[in-house]
Amino acid sequence: MARDGIEVSSSKLRAAEQQLAKSSKVPYQSSALFKETQLSSKVDISELSKAASEHINKEGLTAAGRALTKHASGQRITGTFPKLEGNIAQQNKMAQQVIDNILKNPKSVFRNLHRGGLEVRAPDGTGVRFNADGSFSTLLDPKL
């Protein structure tokens, strides 16, 4: 079989495609401080946690705090994240605890995204997404 001008047997091509599909669907899991993603790049959990704690407005709300205001119980039908209570500092603290619980859970799955970002899912399905530059993107509700 010719593919892109290269002669390849169909059985070798099929085996290579199956191996690629298998390797791209099963991320590596580890409980170490540095988690290795499926593309073998090192991820510093403390840097990801720090990115979520960056202030995004003059009132002091963090990126994680803002995301939790959108995903907290009472805000969405799923209600998988804790209900927000208290002032901005308390909301930021609660949001940071949610992020850290997801990142530091030994059973969380780290997955590189095709656009260059990183998605981390806890066993309960909740998750967090980071952009390719390491900045915090959003919290993720469990997949239905």
C-alpha atoms as a PDB file:
ATOM      1  CA  MET A   1       0.000   0.000   0.000  1.00  0.00           C
ATOM      2  CA  ALA A   2       1.401   3.429  -0.940  1.00  0.00           C
ATOM      3  CA  ARG A   3       0.849   6.246   1.517  1.00  0.00           C
ATOM      4  CA  ASP A   4       2.339   9.707   0.977  1.00  0.00           C
ATOM      5  CA  GLY A   5       4.666   8.217  -1.641  1.00  0.00           C
ATOM      6  CA  ILE A   6       5.990   5.546   0.738  1.00  0.00           C
ATOM      7  CA  GLU A   7       5.337   1.858   0.182  1.00  0.00           C
ATOM      8  CA  VAL A   8       4.035   0.239   3.401  1.00  0.00           C
ATOM      9  CA  SER A   9       2.365  -3.110   3.928  1.00  0.00           C
ATOM     10  CA  SER A  10      -1.214  -2.799   5.177  1.00  0.00           C
ATOM     11  CA  SER A  11      -0.522  -5.025   8.196  1.00  0.00           C
ATOM     12  CA  LYS A  12       2.404  -2.818   9.315  1.00  0.00           C
ATOM     13  CA  LEU A  13       0.321   0.308   8.745  1.00  0.00           C
ATOM     14  CA  ARG A  14      -2.599  -1.112  10.735  1.00  0.00           C
ATOM     15  CA  ALA A  15      -0.263  -2.164  13.587  1.00  0.00           C
ATOM     16  CA  ALA A  16       1.327   1.299  13.693  1.00  0.00           C
ATOM     17  CA  GLU A  17      -2.069   3.032  13.714  1.00  0.00           C
ATOM     18  CA  GLN A  18      -3.300   0.757  16.537  1.00  0.00           C
ATOM     19  CA  GLN A  19      -0.162   1.438  18.575  1.00  0.00           C
ATOM     20  CA  LEU A  20      -0.556   5.202  18.066  1.00  0.00           C
ATOM     21  CA  ALA A  21      -4.234   5.101  19.049  1.00  0.00           C
ATOM     22  CA  LYS A  22      -3.443   3.020  22.131  1.00  0.00           C
ATOM     23  CA  SER A  23      -0.620   5.293  23.302  1.00  0.00           C
ATOM     24  CA  SER A  24      -2.605   8.516  22.820  1.00  0.00           C
ATOM     25  CA  LYS A  25      -5.602   7.319  24.863  1.00  0.00           C
ATOM     26  CA  VAL A  26      -3.870   5.962  27.949  1.00  0.00           C
ATOM     27  CA  PRO A  27      -2.058   8.639  29.952  1.00  0.00           C
ATOM     28  CA  TYR A  28       0.613   7.785  32.481  1.00  0.00           C
ATOM     29  CA  GLN A  29      -0.470   7.998  36.127  1.00  0.00           C
ATOM     30  CA  SER A  30       1.853   8.716  39.037  1.00  0.00           C
ATOM     31  CA  SER A  31       1.582  10.129  42.531  1.00  0.00           C
ATOM     32  CA  ALA A  32       4.998  11.795  42.458  1.00  0.00           C
ATOM     33  CA  LEU A  33       5.400  15.550  42.844  1.00  0.00           C
ATOM     34  CA  PHE A  34       6.290  15.661  39.175  1.00  0.00           C
ATOM     35  CA  LYS A  35       3.722  13.899  37.058  1.00  0.00           C
ATOM     36  CA  GLU A  36       4.700  12.605  33.683  1.00  0.00           C
ATOM     37  CA  THR A  37       2.136  13.206  30.965  1.00  0.00           C
ATOM     38  CA  GLN A  38       1.592  10.921  27.997  1.00  0.00           C
ATOM     39  CA  LEU A  39       4.080  12.959  25.947  1.00  0.00           C
ATOM     40  CA  SER A  40       6.770  12.465  28.608  1.00  0.00           C
ATOM     41  CA  SER A  41       7.073  16.142  29.486  1.00  0.00           C
ATOM     42  CA  LYS A  42       7.509  16.988  33.160  1.00  0.00           C
ATOM     43  CA  VAL A  43       4.764  18.953  34.900  1.00  0.00           C
ATOM     44  CA  ASP A  44       5.477  20.827  38.134  1.00  0.00           C
ATOM     45  CA  ILE A  45       2.303  20.568  40.221  1.00  0.00           C
ATOM     46  CA  SER A  46       3.307  23.489  42.438  1.00  0.00           C
ATOM     47  CA  GLU A  47       3.629  25.732  39.357  1.00  0.00           C
ATOM     48  CA  LEU A  48       0.170  24.701  38.154  1.00  0.00           C
ATOM     49  CA  SER A  49      -1.264  25.390  41.602  1.00  0.00           C
ATOM     50  CA  LYS A  50       0.459  28.778  41.640  1.00  0.00           C
ATOM     51  CA  ALA A  51      -0.982  29.632  38.203  1.00  0.00           C
ATOM     52  CA  ALA A  52      -4.511  29.047  39.527  1.00  0.00           C
ATOM     53  CA  SER A  53      -3.880  31.375  42.469  1.00  0.00           C
ATOM     54  CA  GLU A  54      -2.953  34.431  40.385  1.00  0.00           C
ATOM     55  CA  HIS A  55      -5.170  37.452  41.004  1.00  0.00           C
ATOM     56  CA  ILE A  56      -7.250  38.502  37.996  1.00  0.00           C
ATOM     57  CA  ASN A  57      -8.883  41.712  39.237  1.00  0.00           C
ATOM     58  CA  LYS A  58      -8.322  44.574  41.650  1.00  0.00           C
ATOM     59  CA  GLU A  59     -10.788  43.100  44.172  1.00  0.00           C
ATOM     60  CA  GLY A  60      -8.393  40.184  44.713  1.00  0.00           C
ATOM     61  CA  LEU A  61     -10.332  37.367  43.043  1.00  0.00           C
ATOM     62  CA  THR A  62      -8.034  34.629  41.751  1.00  0.00           C
ATOM     63  CA  ALA A  63      -8.404  32.728  38.491  1.00  0.00           C
ATOM     64  CA  ALA A  64      -9.450  29.638  40.471  1.00  0.00           C
ATOM     65  CA  GLY A  65     -11.890  31.687  42.558  1.00  0.00           C
ATOM     66  CA  ARG A  66     -13.515  33.049  39.407  1.00  0.00           C
ATOM     67  CA  ALA A  67     -13.815  29.578  37.896  1.00  0.00           C
ATOM     68  CA  LEU A  68     -15.386  28.217  41.071  1.00  0.00           C
ATOM     69  CA  THR A  69     -17.998  31.000  41.052  1.00  0.00           C
ATOM     70  CA  LYS A  70     -19.119  29.605  37.694  1.00  0.00           C
ATOM     71  CA  HIS A  71     -19.009  25.908  38.656  1.00  0.00           C
ATOM     72  CA  ALA A  72     -20.048  25.867  42.329  1.00  0.00           C
ATOM     73  CA  SER A  73     -23.141  24.059  43.600  1.00  0.00           C
ATOM     74  CA  GLY A  74     -26.167  26.231  43.042  1.00  0.00           C
ATOM     75  CA  GLN A  75     -24.608  27.752  39.916  1.00  0.00           C
ATOM     76  CA  ARG A  76     -24.891  24.657  37.730  1.00  0.00           C
ATOM     77  CA  ILE A  77     -27.229  21.702  37.583  1.00  0.00           C
ATOM     78  CA  THR A  78     -24.399  19.234  38.203  1.00  0.00           C
ATOM     79  CA  GLY A  79     -23.417  20.764  41.543  1.00  0.00           C
ATOM     80  CA  THR A  80     -20.195  18.761  41.799  1.00  0.00           C
ATOM     81  CA  PHE A  81     -18.092  21.535  43.305  1.00  0.00           C
ATOM     82  CA  PRO A  82     -18.650  22.950  46.811  1.00  0.00           C
ATOM     83  CA  LYS A  83     -21.063  25.818  47.356  1.00  0.00           C
ATOM     84  CA  LEU A  84     -19.314  29.166  47.652  1.00  0.00           C
ATOM     85  CA  GLU A  85     -19.613  31.007  50.925  1.00  0.00           C
ATOM     86  CA  GLY A  86     -17.907  33.953  52.551  1.00  0.00           C
ATOM     87  CA  ASN A  87     -15.878  36.864  51.264  1.00  0.00           C
ATOM     88  CA  ILE A  88     -13.471  36.888  48.315  1.00  0.00           C
ATOM     89  CA  ALA A  89     -10.520  35.671  50.393  1.00  0.00           C
ATOM     90  CA  GLN A  90     -12.542  32.695  51.674  1.00  0.00           C
ATOM     91  CA  GLN A  91     -13.786  31.912  48.151  1.00  0.00           C
ATOM     92  CA  ASN A  92     -10.211  32.037  46.816  1.00  0.00           C
ATOM     93  CA  LYS A  93      -9.064  29.686  49.580  1.00  0.00           C
ATOM     94  CA  MET A  94     -11.872  27.221  48.857  1.00  0.00           C
ATOM     95  CA  ALA A  95     -11.126  27.323  45.118  1.00  0.00           C
ATOM     96  CA  GLN A  96      -7.427  26.736  45.740  1.00  0.00           C
ATOM     97  CA  GLN A  97      -8.251  23.713  47.896  1.00  0.00           C
ATOM     98  CA  VAL A  98     -10.381  22.294  45.066  1.00  0.00           C
ATOM     99  CA  ILE A  99      -7.528  22.795  42.565  1.00  0.00           C
ATOM    100  CA  ASP A 100      -4.915  21.311  44.904  1.00  0.00           C
ATOM    101  CA  ASN A 101      -7.120  18.293  45.690  1.00  0.00           C
ATOM    102  CA  ILE A 102      -7.418  17.537  41.978  1.00  0.00           C
ATOM    103  CA  LEU A 103      -3.715  18.098  41.228  1.00  0.00           C
ATOM    104  CA  LYS A 104      -2.371  16.160  44.216  1.00  0.00           C
ATOM    105  CA  ASN A 105      -4.748  13.203  44.052  1.00  0.00           C
ATOM    106  CA  PRO A 106      -2.575  10.158  43.265  1.00  0.00           C
ATOM    107  CA  LYS A 107      -5.325   8.764  41.035  1.00  0.00           C
ATOM    108  CA  SER A 108      -5.790  11.928  38.963  1.00  0.00           C
ATOM    109  CA  VAL A 109      -5.186  11.507  35.242  1.00  0.00           C
ATOM    110  CA  PHE A 110      -2.972  14.048  33.469  1.00  0.00           C
ATOM    111  CA  ARG A 111      -3.634  14.370  29.730  1.00  0.00           C
ATOM    112  CA  ASN A 112      -1.997  16.579  27.137  1.00  0.00           C
ATOM    113  CA  LEU A 113      -4.489  18.331  24.895  1.00  0.00           C
ATOM    114  CA  HIS A 114      -4.034  18.555  21.146  1.00  0.00           C
ATOM    115  CA  ARG A 115      -3.914  22.355  21.370  1.00  0.00           C
ATOM    116  CA  GLY A 116      -0.992  22.189  23.754  1.00  0.00           C
ATOM    117  CA  GLY A 117      -2.754  22.545  27.083  1.00  0.00           C
ATOM    118  CA  LEU A 118      -3.080  20.112  29.949  1.00  0.00           C
ATOM    119  CA  GLU A 119      -6.201  18.567  31.471  1.00  0.00           C
ATOM    120  CA  VAL A 120      -6.212  16.913  34.885  1.00  0.00           C
ATOM    121  CA  ARG A 121      -9.173  14.765  35.958  1.00  0.00           C
ATOM    122  CA  ALA A 122      -9.747  13.448  39.473  1.00  0.00           C
ATOM    123  CA  PRO A 123     -11.367  10.016  39.952  1.00  0.00           C
ATOM    124  CA  ASP A 124     -14.769  11.650  40.599  1.00  0.00           C
ATOM    125  CA  GLY A 125     -14.639  13.277  37.146  1.00  0.00           C
ATOM    126  CA  THR A 126     -13.998  16.842  38.271  1.00  0.00           C
ATOM    127  CA  GLY A 127     -11.051  18.448  36.617  1.00  0.00           C
ATOM    128  CA  VAL A 128      -8.932  21.433  35.835  1.00  0.00           C
ATOM    129  CA  ARG A 129      -7.507  22.684  32.538  1.00  0.00           C
ATOM    130  CA  PHE A 130      -4.356  24.691  31.906  1.00  0.00           C
ATOM    131  CA  ASN A 131      -3.310  26.507  28.734  1.00  0.00           C
ATOM    132  CA  ALA A 132      -0.191  25.627  26.742  1.00  0.00           C
ATOM    133  CA  ASP A 133       1.756  28.416  28.484  1.00  0.00           C
ATOM    134  CA  GLY A 134       0.939  26.926  31.911  1.00  0.00           C
ATOM    135  CA  SER A 135      -1.684  29.512  32.818  1.00  0.00           C
ATOM    136  CA  PHE A 136      -4.924  28.390  34.473  1.00  0.00           C
ATOM    137  CA  SER A 137      -7.873  28.004  32.099  1.00  0.00           C
ATOM    138  CA  THR A 138     -10.908  26.604  33.938  1.00  0.00           C
ATOM    139  CA  LEU A 139     -12.461  23.996  36.184  1.00  0.00           C
ATOM    140  CA  LEU A 140     -14.149  21.030  34.506  1.00  0.00           C
ATOM    141  CA  ASP A 141     -17.404  19.370  35.484  1.00  0.00           C
ATOM    142  CA  PRO A 142     -17.549  15.580  35.195  1.00  0.00           C
ATOM    143  CA  LYS A 143     -18.350  14.254  31.748  1.00  0.00           C
ATOM    144  CA  LEU A 144     -21.960  13.115  31.559  1.00  0.00           C
END
